[in-house]
Amino acid sequence: AQTHDDGSAEYEVEMILNSKIDRRSNDPITRKKGLLRYLVKWKGFPDSDNSWNDWPNMLHCPGEVQRFHEAYPAKPGPHELF
């Protein structure tokens, strides 16, 4: 992770491992029930740091999202705004 002057870390997506629909949450944009989430492997971090991220947090890496869905077309997503 790169560290900024303010001490915050910038995490870089190495790859997307999985996707799911969280039925307990609503989409922040469409307000529909069900929130698309991605399991992310972070570059330079161990698998224990992999984390689920809401789809709006993935807008900065559309290439990774596209590669994931091309490799796993049966998985949930991509969101209509990608």
PDB file of N, CA and C in Angstrom:
ATOM      1  N   ALA A   1       0.849  -1.191   0.000  1.00  0.00           N
ATOM      2  CA  ALA A   1       0.000   0.000   0.000  1.00  0.00           C
ATOM      3  C   ALA A   1       0.881   1.236   0.000  1.00  0.00           C
ATOM      4  N   GLN A   2       0.475   2.212  -0.772  1.00  0.00           N
ATOM      5  CA  GLN A   2       1.163   3.492  -0.746  1.00  0.00           C
ATOM      6  C   GLN A   2       0.668   4.264   0.462  1.00  0.00           C
ATOM      7  N   THR A   3       1.572   5.024   1.067  1.00  0.00           N
ATOM      8  CA  THR A   3       1.167   5.851   2.200  1.00  0.00           C
ATOM      9  C   THR A   3       1.197   7.309   1.772  1.00  0.00           C
ATOM     10  N   HIS A   4       0.129   8.021   2.049  1.00  0.00           N
ATOM     11  CA  HIS A   4       0.032   9.440   1.715  1.00  0.00           C
ATOM     12  C   HIS A   4       0.625  10.277   2.842  1.00  0.00           C
ATOM     13  N   ASP A   5       0.825  11.567   2.560  1.00  0.00           N
ATOM     14  CA  ASP A   5       1.401  12.476   3.553  1.00  0.00           C
ATOM     15  C   ASP A   5       0.590  12.514   4.844  1.00  0.00           C
ATOM     16  N   ASP A   6      -0.721  12.308   4.730  1.00  0.00           N
ATOM     17  CA  ASP A   6      -1.565  12.357   5.929  1.00  0.00           C
ATOM     18  C   ASP A   6      -1.569  11.031   6.692  1.00  0.00           C
ATOM     19  N   GLY A   7      -0.777  10.067   6.217  1.00  0.00           N
ATOM     20  CA  GLY A   7      -0.666   8.791   6.922  1.00  0.00           C
ATOM     21  C   GLY A   7      -1.661   7.743   6.474  1.00  0.00           C
ATOM     22  N   SER A   8      -2.592   8.112   5.582  1.00  0.00           N
ATOM     23  CA  SER A   8      -3.573   7.136   5.118  1.00  0.00           C
ATOM     24  C   SER A   8      -2.942   6.233   4.057  1.00  0.00           C
ATOM     25  N   ALA A   9      -3.405   5.009   4.009  1.00  0.00           N
ATOM     26  CA  ALA A   9      -2.871   4.039   3.052  1.00  0.00           C
ATOM     27  C   ALA A   9      -3.793   3.945   1.844  1.00  0.00           C
ATOM     28  N   GLU A  10      -3.192   3.726   0.687  1.00  0.00           N
ATOM     29  CA  GLU A  10      -3.965   3.519  -0.531  1.00  0.00           C
ATOM     30  C   GLU A  10      -3.829   2.058  -0.916  1.00  0.00           C
ATOM     31  N   TYR A  11      -4.940   1.370  -0.972  1.00  0.00           N
ATOM     32  CA  TYR A  11      -4.929  -0.049  -1.297  1.00  0.00           C
ATOM     33  C   TYR A  11      -5.175  -0.225  -2.786  1.00  0.00           C
ATOM     34  N   GLU A  12      -4.394  -1.126  -3.400  1.00  0.00           N
ATOM     35  CA  GLU A  12      -4.537  -1.400  -4.821  1.00  0.00           C
ATOM     36  C   GLU A  12      -5.129  -2.791  -4.989  1.00  0.00           C
ATOM     37  N   VAL A  13      -6.142  -2.896  -5.832  1.00  0.00           N
ATOM     38  CA  VAL A  13      -6.786  -4.179  -6.087  1.00  0.00           C
ATOM     39  C   VAL A  13      -5.840  -5.052  -6.902  1.00  0.00           C
ATOM     40  N   GLU A  14      -5.514  -6.237  -6.373  1.00  0.00           N
ATOM     41  CA  GLU A  14      -4.735  -7.203  -7.147  1.00  0.00           C
ATOM     42  C   GLU A  14      -5.670  -7.999  -8.043  1.00  0.00           C
ATOM     43  N   MET A  15      -6.753  -8.500  -7.451  1.00  0.00           N
ATOM     44  CA  MET A  15      -7.759  -9.199  -8.238  1.00  0.00           C
ATOM     45  C   MET A  15      -9.047  -9.339  -7.444  1.00  0.00           C
ATOM     46  N   ILE A  16     -10.137  -9.539  -8.163  1.00  0.00           N
ATOM     47  CA  ILE A  16     -11.430  -9.811  -7.543  1.00  0.00           C
ATOM     48  C   ILE A  16     -11.601 -11.319  -7.509  1.00  0.00           C
ATOM     49  N   LEU A  17     -11.962 -11.834  -6.338  1.00  0.00           N
ATOM     50  CA  LEU A  17     -12.054 -13.275  -6.137  1.00  0.00           C
ATOM     51  C   LEU A  17     -13.475 -13.813  -6.222  1.00  0.00           C
ATOM     52  N   ASN A  18     -14.471 -12.977  -5.901  1.00  0.00           N
ATOM     53  CA  ASN A  18     -15.843 -13.461  -5.848  1.00  0.00           C
ATOM     54  C   ASN A  18     -16.794 -12.267  -5.856  1.00  0.00           C
ATOM     55  N   SER A  19     -18.069 -12.552  -6.095  1.00  0.00           N
ATOM     56  CA  SER A  19     -19.106 -11.528  -5.964  1.00  0.00           C
ATOM     57  C   SER A  19     -20.336 -12.169  -5.357  1.00  0.00           C
ATOM     58  N   LYS A  20     -21.162 -11.325  -4.729  1.00  0.00           N
ATOM     59  CA  LYS A  20     -22.401 -11.815  -4.120  1.00  0.00           C
ATOM     60  C   LYS A  20     -23.382 -10.661  -4.018  1.00  0.00           C
ATOM     61  N   ILE A  21     -24.635 -11.015  -3.807  1.00  0.00           N
ATOM     62  CA  ILE A  21     -25.669 -10.025  -3.532  1.00  0.00           C
ATOM     63  C   ILE A  21     -26.000 -10.115  -2.050  1.00  0.00           C
ATOM     64  N   ASP A  22     -25.809  -9.010  -1.343  1.00  0.00           N
ATOM     65  CA  ASP A  22     -26.160  -8.939   0.077  1.00  0.00           C
ATOM     66  C   ASP A  22     -27.627  -8.531   0.157  1.00  0.00           C
ATOM     67  N   ARG A  23     -28.479  -9.491   0.452  1.00  0.00           N
ATOM     68  CA  ARG A  23     -29.935  -9.261   0.456  1.00  0.00           C
ATOM     69  C   ARG A  23     -30.403  -8.423   1.651  1.00  0.00           C
ATOM     70  N   ARG A  24     -29.535  -8.229   2.631  1.00  0.00           N
ATOM     71  CA  ARG A  24     -29.912  -7.436   3.811  1.00  0.00           C
ATOM     72  C   ARG A  24     -29.738  -5.941   3.578  1.00  0.00           C
ATOM     73  N   SER A  25     -29.108  -5.585   2.465  1.00  0.00           N
ATOM     74  CA  SER A  25     -28.800  -4.175   2.199  1.00  0.00           C
ATOM     75  C   SER A  25     -29.464  -3.722   0.905  1.00  0.00           C
ATOM     76  N   ASN A  26     -29.689  -2.424   0.802  1.00  0.00           N
ATOM     77  CA  ASN A  26     -30.232  -1.833  -0.415  1.00  0.00           C
ATOM     78  C   ASN A  26     -29.110  -1.200  -1.216  1.00  0.00           C
ATOM     79  N   ASP A  27     -29.268  -1.208  -2.539  1.00  0.00           N
ATOM     80  CA  ASP A  27     -28.302  -0.567  -3.419  1.00  0.00           C
ATOM     81  C   ASP A  27     -28.329   0.944  -3.159  1.00  0.00           C
ATOM     82  N   PRO A  28     -27.163   1.577  -2.968  1.00  0.00           N
ATOM     83  CA  PRO A  28     -27.137   3.012  -2.643  1.00  0.00           C
ATOM     84  C   PRO A  28     -27.581   3.909  -3.800  1.00  0.00           C
ATOM     85  N   ILE A  29     -27.522   3.424  -5.024  1.00  0.00           N
ATOM     86  CA  ILE A  29     -27.886   4.228  -6.187  1.00  0.00           C
ATOM     87  C   ILE A  29     -29.327   3.964  -6.615  1.00  0.00           C
ATOM     88  N   THR A  30     -29.661   2.694  -6.844  1.00  0.00           N
ATOM     89  CA  THR A  30     -30.998   2.353  -7.353  1.00  0.00           C
ATOM     90  C   THR A  30     -32.030   2.228  -6.236  1.00  0.00           C
ATOM     91  N   ARG A  31     -31.569   2.088  -4.996  1.00  0.00           N
ATOM     92  CA  ARG A  31     -32.428   1.898  -3.821  1.00  0.00           C
ATOM     93  C   ARG A  31     -33.152   0.550  -3.820  1.00  0.00           C
ATOM     94  N   LYS A  32     -32.823  -0.313  -4.781  1.00  0.00           N
ATOM     95  CA  LYS A  32     -33.436  -1.642  -4.822  1.00  0.00           C
ATOM     96  C   LYS A  32     -32.840  -2.523  -3.732  1.00  0.00           C
ATOM     97  N   LYS A  33     -33.609  -3.535  -3.334  1.00  0.00           N
ATOM     98  CA  LYS A  33     -33.114  -4.475  -2.327  1.00  0.00           C
ATOM     99  C   LYS A  33     -32.022  -5.333  -2.959  1.00  0.00           C
ATOM    100  N   GLY A  34     -30.952  -5.530  -2.227  1.00  0.00           N
ATOM    101  CA  GLY A  34     -29.840  -6.335  -2.715  1.00  0.00           C
ATOM    102  C   GLY A  34     -28.674  -5.459  -3.130  1.00  0.00           C
ATOM    103  N   LEU A  35     -27.541  -5.659  -2.485  1.00  0.00           N
ATOM    104  CA  LEU A  35     -26.340  -4.859  -2.740  1.00  0.00           C
ATOM    105  C   LEU A  35     -25.240  -5.765  -3.278  1.00  0.00           C
ATOM    106  N   LEU A  36     -24.744  -5.460  -4.475  1.00  0.00           N
ATOM    107  CA  LEU A  36     -23.663  -6.226  -5.093  1.00  0.00           C
ATOM    108  C   LEU A  36     -22.358  -5.935  -4.363  1.00  0.00           C
ATOM    109  N   ARG A  37     -21.671  -7.002  -3.965  1.00  0.00           N
ATOM    110  CA  ARG A  37     -20.401  -6.853  -3.249  1.00  0.00           C
ATOM    111  C   ARG A  37     -19.342  -7.731  -3.910  1.00  0.00           C
ATOM    112  N   TYR A  38     -18.079  -7.288  -3.814  1.00  0.00           N
ATOM    113  CA  TYR A  38     -16.946  -8.015  -4.390  1.00  0.00           C
ATOM    114  C   TYR A  38     -15.935  -8.375  -3.313  1.00  0.00           C
ATOM    115  N   LEU A  39     -15.423  -9.612  -3.400  1.00  0.00           N
ATOM    116  CA  LEU A  39     -14.341 -10.045  -2.521  1.00  0.00           C
ATOM    117  C   LEU A  39     -13.028  -9.691  -3.207  1.00  0.00           C
ATOM    118  N   VAL A  40     -12.231  -8.846  -2.547  1.00  0.00           N
ATOM    119  CA  VAL A  40     -11.022  -8.284  -3.153  1.00  0.00           C
ATOM    120  C   VAL A  40      -9.763  -8.820  -2.484  1.00  0.00           C
ATOM    121  N   LYS A  41      -8.798  -9.204  -3.335  1.00  0.00           N
ATOM    122  CA  LYS A  41      -7.430  -9.518  -2.898  1.00  0.00           C
ATOM    123  C   LYS A  41      -6.637  -8.241  -3.126  1.00  0.00           C
ATOM    124  N   TRP A  42      -6.024  -7.710  -2.052  1.00  0.00           N
ATOM    125  CA  TRP A  42      -5.282  -6.448  -2.122  1.00  0.00           C
ATOM    126  C   TRP A  42      -3.820  -6.715  -2.443  1.00  0.00           C
ATOM    127  N   LYS A  43      -3.270  -5.941  -3.355  1.00  0.00           N
ATOM    128  CA  LYS A  43      -1.875  -6.088  -3.774  1.00  0.00           C
ATOM    129  C   LYS A  43      -0.939  -5.826  -2.598  1.00  0.00           C
ATOM    130  N   GLY A  44      -0.028  -6.780  -2.348  1.00  0.00           N
ATOM    131  CA  GLY A  44       0.960  -6.615  -1.294  1.00  0.00           C
ATOM    132  C   GLY A  44       0.475  -7.015   0.085  1.00  0.00           C
ATOM    133  N   PHE A  45      -0.735  -7.557   0.186  1.00  0.00           N
ATOM    134  CA  PHE A  45      -1.291  -7.959   1.479  1.00  0.00           C
ATOM    135  C   PHE A  45      -1.630  -9.445   1.462  1.00  0.00           C
ATOM    136  N   PRO A  46      -1.576 -10.100   2.622  1.00  0.00           N
ATOM    137  CA  PRO A  46      -1.897 -11.531   2.687  1.00  0.00           C
ATOM    138  C   PRO A  46      -3.392 -11.775   2.481  1.00  0.00           C
ATOM    139  N   ASP A  47      -3.734 -13.037   2.169  1.00  0.00           N
ATOM    140  CA  ASP A  47      -5.138 -13.400   1.958  1.00  0.00           C
ATOM    141  C   ASP A  47      -6.002 -13.092   3.173  1.00  0.00           C
ATOM    142  N   SER A  48      -5.399 -13.065   4.352  1.00  0.00           N
ATOM    143  CA  SER A  48      -6.171 -12.765   5.565  1.00  0.00           C
ATOM    144  C   SER A  48      -6.726 -11.339   5.541  1.00  0.00           C
ATOM    145  N   ASP A  49      -6.183 -10.478   4.675  1.00  0.00           N
ATOM    146  CA  ASP A  49      -6.678  -9.105   4.539  1.00  0.00           C
ATOM    147  C   ASP A  49      -7.692  -8.946   3.403  1.00  0.00           C
ATOM    148  N   ASN A  50      -8.015 -10.043   2.693  1.00  0.00           N
ATOM    149  CA  ASN A  50      -9.045  -9.961   1.655  1.00  0.00           C
ATOM    150  C   ASN A  50     -10.328  -9.440   2.294  1.00  0.00           C
ATOM    151  N   SER A  51     -11.087  -8.645   1.558  1.00  0.00           N
ATOM    152  CA  SER A  51     -12.296  -8.068   2.156  1.00  0.00           C
ATOM    153  C   SER A  51     -13.407  -7.908   1.124  1.00  0.00           C
ATOM    154  N   TRP A  52     -14.644  -7.954   1.628  1.00  0.00           N
ATOM    155  CA  TRP A  52     -15.826  -7.704   0.802  1.00  0.00           C
ATOM    156  C   TRP A  52     -16.036  -6.195   0.698  1.00  0.00           C
ATOM    157  N   ASN A  53     -16.292  -5.714  -0.516  1.00  0.00           N
ATOM    158  CA  ASN A  53     -16.469  -4.289  -0.772  1.00  0.00           C
ATOM    159  C   ASN A  53     -17.717  -4.050  -1.606  1.00  0.00           C
ATOM    160  N   ASP A  54     -18.488  -3.027  -1.234  1.00  0.00           N
ATOM    161  CA  ASP A  54     -19.678  -2.667  -1.997  1.00  0.00           C
ATOM    162  C   ASP A  54     -19.266  -2.211  -3.396  1.00  0.00           C
ATOM    163  N   TRP A  55     -20.113  -2.480  -4.389  1.00  0.00           N
ATOM    164  CA  TRP A  55     -19.743  -2.189  -5.775  1.00  0.00           C
ATOM    165  C   TRP A  55     -19.338  -0.735  -6.029  1.00  0.00           C
ATOM    166  N   PRO A  56     -19.947   0.286  -5.383  1.00  0.00           N
ATOM    167  CA  PRO A  56     -19.488   1.654  -5.679  1.00  0.00           C
ATOM    168  C   PRO A  56     -18.008   1.873  -5.335  1.00  0.00           C
ATOM    169  N   ASN A  57     -17.486   1.100  -4.387  1.00  0.00           N
ATOM    170  CA  ASN A  57     -16.073   1.226  -4.022  1.00  0.00           C
ATOM    171  C   ASN A  57     -15.158   0.622  -5.082  1.00  0.00           C
ATOM    172  N   MET A  58     -15.737  -0.020  -6.096  1.00  0.00           N
ATOM    173  CA  MET A  58     -14.947  -0.667  -7.141  1.00  0.00           C
ATOM    174  C   MET A  58     -14.948   0.143  -8.440  1.00  0.00           C
ATOM    175  N   LEU A  59     -15.582   1.296  -8.450  1.00  0.00           N
ATOM    176  CA  LEU A  59     -15.675   2.095  -9.672  1.00  0.00           C
ATOM    177  C   LEU A  59     -14.309   2.562 -10.170  1.00  0.00           C
ATOM    178  N   HIS A  60     -13.309   2.601  -9.277  1.00  0.00           N
ATOM    179  CA  HIS A  60     -11.967   3.037  -9.665  1.00  0.00           C
ATOM    180  C   HIS A  60     -11.191   1.953 -10.416  1.00  0.00           C
ATOM    181  N   CYS A  61     -11.726   0.722 -10.472  1.00  0.00           N
ATOM    182  CA  CYS A  61     -10.994  -0.359 -11.147  1.00  0.00           C
ATOM    183  C   CYS A  61     -11.926  -1.159 -12.067  1.00  0.00           C
ATOM    184  N   PRO A  62     -12.530  -0.485 -13.057  1.00  0.00           N
ATOM    185  CA  PRO A  62     -13.470  -1.173 -13.944  1.00  0.00           C
ATOM    186  C   PRO A  62     -12.843  -2.328 -14.716  1.00  0.00           C
ATOM    187  N   GLY A  63     -11.539  -2.251 -14.998  1.00  0.00           N
ATOM    188  CA  GLY A  63     -10.865  -3.341 -15.711  1.00  0.00           C
ATOM    189  C   GLY A  63     -10.868  -4.630 -14.916  1.00  0.00           C
ATOM    190  N   GLU A  64     -10.626  -4.522 -13.613  1.00  0.00           N
ATOM    191  CA  GLU A  64     -10.643  -5.709 -12.749  1.00  0.00           C
ATOM    192  C   GLU A  64     -12.046  -6.306 -12.681  1.00  0.00           C
ATOM    193  N   VAL A  65     -13.050  -5.435 -12.590  1.00  0.00           N
ATOM    194  CA  VAL A  65     -14.441  -5.900 -12.549  1.00  0.00           C
ATOM    195  C   VAL A  65     -14.780  -6.625 -13.853  1.00  0.00           C
ATOM    196  N   GLN A  66     -14.392  -6.044 -14.983  1.00  0.00           N
ATOM    197  CA  GLN A  66     -14.670  -6.659 -16.282  1.00  0.00           C
ATOM    198  C   GLN A  66     -13.971  -8.013 -16.405  1.00  0.00           C
ATOM    199  N   ARG A  67     -12.698  -8.093 -16.004  1.00  0.00           N
ATOM    200  CA  ARG A  67     -11.960  -9.367 -16.078  1.00  0.00           C
ATOM    201  C   ARG A  67     -12.634 -10.439 -15.229  1.00  0.00           C
ATOM    202  N   PHE A  68     -13.073 -10.060 -14.024  1.00  0.00           N
ATOM    203  CA  PHE A  68     -13.739 -11.016 -13.143  1.00  0.00           C
ATOM    204  C   PHE A  68     -14.998 -11.569 -13.809  1.00  0.00           C
ATOM    205  N   HIS A  69     -15.836 -10.681 -14.352  1.00  0.00           N
ATOM    206  CA  HIS A  69     -17.105 -11.133 -14.930  1.00  0.00           C
ATOM    207  C   HIS A  69     -16.912 -11.895 -16.239  1.00  0.00           C
ATOM    208  N   GLU A  70     -15.836 -11.609 -16.973  1.00  0.00           N
ATOM    209  CA  GLU A  70     -15.536 -12.408 -18.166  1.00  0.00           C
ATOM    210  C   GLU A  70     -15.118 -13.819 -17.768  1.00  0.00           C
ATOM    211  N   ALA A  71     -14.370 -13.932 -16.661  1.00  0.00           N
ATOM    212  CA  ALA A  71     -13.897 -15.236 -16.198  1.00  0.00           C
ATOM    213  C   ALA A  71     -14.999 -16.028 -15.494  1.00  0.00           C
ATOM    214  N   TYR A  72     -15.923 -15.326 -14.837  1.00  0.00           N
ATOM    215  CA  TYR A  72     -16.985 -15.971 -14.050  1.00  0.00           C
ATOM    216  C   TYR A  72     -18.347 -15.381 -14.424  1.00  0.00           C
ATOM    217  N   PRO A  73     -18.838 -15.671 -15.630  1.00  0.00           N
ATOM    218  CA  PRO A  73     -20.082 -15.043 -16.089  1.00  0.00           C
ATOM    219  C   PRO A  73     -21.321 -15.420 -15.279  1.00  0.00           C
ATOM    220  N   ALA A  74     -21.279 -16.513 -14.537  1.00  0.00           N
ATOM    221  CA  ALA A  74     -22.445 -16.930 -13.750  1.00  0.00           C
ATOM    222  C   ALA A  74     -22.528 -16.216 -12.400  1.00  0.00           C
ATOM    223  N   LYS A  75     -21.467 -15.531 -12.010  1.00  0.00           N
ATOM    224  CA  LYS A  75     -21.458 -14.829 -10.718  1.00  0.00           C
ATOM    225  C   LYS A  75     -22.322 -13.570 -10.793  1.00  0.00           C
ATOM    226  N   PRO A  76     -22.864 -13.115  -9.660  1.00  0.00           N
ATOM    227  CA  PRO A  76     -23.690 -11.904  -9.657  1.00  0.00           C
ATOM    228  C   PRO A  76     -22.931 -10.679 -10.167  1.00  0.00           C
ATOM    229  N   GLY A  77     -23.630  -9.853 -10.938  1.00  0.00           N
ATOM    230  CA  GLY A  77     -23.051  -8.621 -11.456  1.00  0.00           C
ATOM    231  C   GLY A  77     -22.765  -8.751 -12.942  1.00  0.00           C
ATOM    232  N   PRO A  78     -22.170  -7.748 -13.552  1.00  0.00           N
ATOM    233  CA  PRO A  78     -21.803  -6.464 -12.958  1.00  0.00           C
ATOM    234  C   PRO A  78     -23.018  -5.553 -12.786  1.00  0.00           C
ATOM    235  N   HIS A  79     -22.825  -4.511 -12.010  1.00  0.00           N
ATOM    236  CA  HIS A  79     -23.883  -3.527 -11.787  1.00  0.00           C
ATOM    237  C   HIS A  79     -24.165  -2.795 -13.096  1.00  0.00           C
ATOM    238  N   GLU A  80     -25.399  -2.360 -13.273  1.00  0.00           N
ATOM    239  CA  GLU A  80     -25.797  -1.669 -14.508  1.00  0.00           C
ATOM    240  C   GLU A  80     -24.980  -0.405 -14.772  1.00  0.00           C
ATOM    241  N   LEU A  81     -24.361   0.179 -13.752  1.00  0.00           N
ATOM    242  CA  LEU A  81     -23.589   1.411 -13.940  1.00  0.00           C
ATOM    243  C   LEU A  81     -22.133   1.166 -14.336  1.00  0.00           C
ATOM    244  N   PHE A  82     -21.721  -0.105 -14.445  1.00  0.00           N
ATOM    245  CA  PHE A  82     -20.338  -0.356 -14.865  1.00  0.00           C
ATOM    246  C   PHE A  82     -20.249  -0.237 -16.358  1.00  0.00           C
TER     247      PHE A  82
END
